[in-house]
Amino acid sequence: MPTSFIEEYKSKHRHPLNRLSHSIGIPLIVISLPLFFFNWRWALALFVAGWVLQFAGHLIEGNQPAFFRNPVYLLVGPAWLARRALGAIGVGKAHAPARDERLTKR
């Protein structure tokens, strides 16, 4: 996914409550999709709850969802959340060289 999509998405999601609402809403929506094959009532409830959280976050942020301009952002949202989650646990971050490596490079 091009970085510009992620950067644009990040710019629309700066408020902490919007980020929180998306951190809950996006997984609810993603989980609901395969759940439709097993229990449509639960799936529908999760799907609607996820979207309510998303739109509530954008009301707080004061902007429109990015997918209103480009439907590609429906895929960027889950990618953005996955990047945030992986970054929070230290996966995918550049690591500083160990102290011994820095000393030997001088």
Protein backbone atom coordinates (compact mmCIF):
# COMPACT_ATOMS: atom_id res chain seq x y z
CA MET A 1 0.00 0.00 0.00
CA PRO A 2 1.56 3.31 -1.03
CA THR A 3 2.76 5.42 1.86
CA SER A 4 0.81 8.41 0.56
CA PHE A 5 -2.49 6.61 1.22
CA ILE A 6 -1.41 5.82 4.77
CA GLU A 7 -0.13 9.36 5.35
CA GLU A 8 -3.37 10.86 4.02
CA TYR A 9 -5.35 8.50 6.22
CA LYS A 10 -3.26 9.45 9.27
CA SER A 11 -3.94 13.13 8.59
CA LYS A 12 -7.70 12.49 8.86
CA HIS A 13 -7.30 10.60 12.16
CA ARG A 14 -5.38 12.82 14.57
CA HIS A 15 -7.84 13.17 17.45
CA PRO A 16 -7.28 10.50 20.14
CA LEU A 17 -11.00 9.70 20.40
CA ASN A 18 -11.25 9.25 16.63
CA ARG A 19 -8.26 6.90 16.73
CA LEU A 20 -9.84 4.99 19.60
CA SER A 21 -13.18 4.70 17.84
CA HIS A 22 -11.43 3.38 14.74
CA SER A 23 -9.28 1.01 16.79
CA ILE A 24 -12.50 -0.62 17.99
CA GLY A 25 -14.75 -0.04 14.97
CA ILE A 26 -12.46 -1.39 12.24
CA PRO A 27 -11.93 -4.78 13.94
CA LEU A 28 -15.68 -5.06 14.56
CA ILE A 29 -16.36 -4.54 10.87
CA VAL A 30 -13.61 -6.93 9.74
CA ILE A 31 -14.76 -9.66 12.17
CA SER A 32 -18.37 -9.20 11.09
CA LEU A 33 -17.69 -10.01 7.43
CA PRO A 34 -16.87 -13.74 7.72
CA LEU A 35 -19.31 -14.03 10.63
CA PHE A 36 -22.18 -13.41 8.19
CA PHE A 37 -21.74 -17.02 7.02
CA PHE A 38 -22.34 -18.36 10.52
CA ASN A 39 -24.61 -15.97 12.41
CA TRP A 40 -26.00 -13.07 10.42
CA ARG A 41 -27.61 -11.38 13.43
CA TRP A 42 -24.33 -11.09 15.36
CA ALA A 43 -22.54 -10.12 12.17
CA LEU A 44 -25.04 -7.38 11.44
CA ALA A 45 -24.84 -6.07 15.02
CA LEU A 46 -21.02 -5.94 14.89
CA PHE A 47 -21.05 -4.38 11.42
CA VAL A 48 -23.46 -1.61 12.44
CA ALA A 49 -21.69 -0.99 15.76
CA GLY A 50 -18.35 -0.72 13.95
CA TRP A 51 -19.68 1.86 11.50
CA VAL A 52 -21.40 3.84 14.25
CA LEU A 53 -18.05 4.08 16.05
CA GLN A 54 -16.30 5.14 12.85
CA PHE A 55 -18.78 7.92 12.09
CA ALA A 56 -18.83 9.06 15.72
CA GLY A 57 -15.04 9.37 15.56
CA HIS A 58 -15.28 11.54 12.47
CA LEU A 59 -17.91 13.74 14.12
CA ILE A 60 -15.44 14.27 16.97
CA GLU A 61 -12.58 14.89 14.51
CA GLY A 62 -14.73 17.25 12.46
CA ASN A 63 -14.08 15.74 9.05
CA GLN A 64 -15.53 13.22 6.63
CA PRO A 65 -14.28 9.65 6.24
CA ALA A 66 -11.57 9.36 3.60
CA PHE A 67 -13.50 6.69 1.68
CA PHE A 68 -16.08 9.33 0.71
CA ARG A 69 -13.44 10.65 -1.72
CA ASN A 70 -11.88 7.32 -2.70
CA PRO A 71 -13.21 3.83 -1.87
CA VAL A 72 -9.62 2.52 -1.70
CA TYR A 73 -9.56 3.93 1.83
CA LEU A 74 -11.91 1.12 2.89
CA LEU A 75 -8.80 -1.09 2.60
CA VAL A 76 -6.36 1.53 3.87
CA GLY A 77 -8.16 1.74 7.24
CA PRO A 78 -7.44 -1.87 8.23
CA ALA A 79 -3.86 -1.54 6.94
CA TRP A 80 -3.39 1.64 9.02
CA LEU A 81 -4.72 -0.09 12.11
CA ALA A 82 -2.52 -3.16 11.53
CA ARG A 83 0.54 -0.90 11.17
CA ARG A 84 -0.32 0.88 14.42
CA ALA A 85 -0.85 -2.40 16.25
CA LEU A 86 2.40 -3.90 14.96
CA GLY A 87 4.29 -0.69 15.77
CA ALA A 88 2.90 -0.74 19.31
CA ILE A 89 4.44 -4.16 19.92
CA GLY A 90 7.73 -3.24 18.19
CA VAL A 91 7.28 -5.17 14.95
CA GLY A 92 8.39 -3.34 11.83
CA LYS A 93 10.23 -0.55 13.59
CA ALA A 94 13.83 0.22 12.76
CA HIS A 95 15.98 -0.73 15.71
CA ALA A 96 18.89 1.37 16.90
CA PRO A 97 22.23 -0.42 16.64
CA ALA A 98 23.41 -2.10 19.79
CA ARG A 99 25.85 -0.15 21.94
CA ASP A 100 28.74 -2.43 20.99
CA GLU A 101 28.06 -1.91 17.27
CA ARG A 102 28.16 1.87 17.68
CA LEU A 103 31.48 1.72 19.48
CA THR A 104 33.13 -0.50 16.86
CA LYS A 105 32.06 1.80 13.97
CA ARG A 106 34.04 4.76 15.30
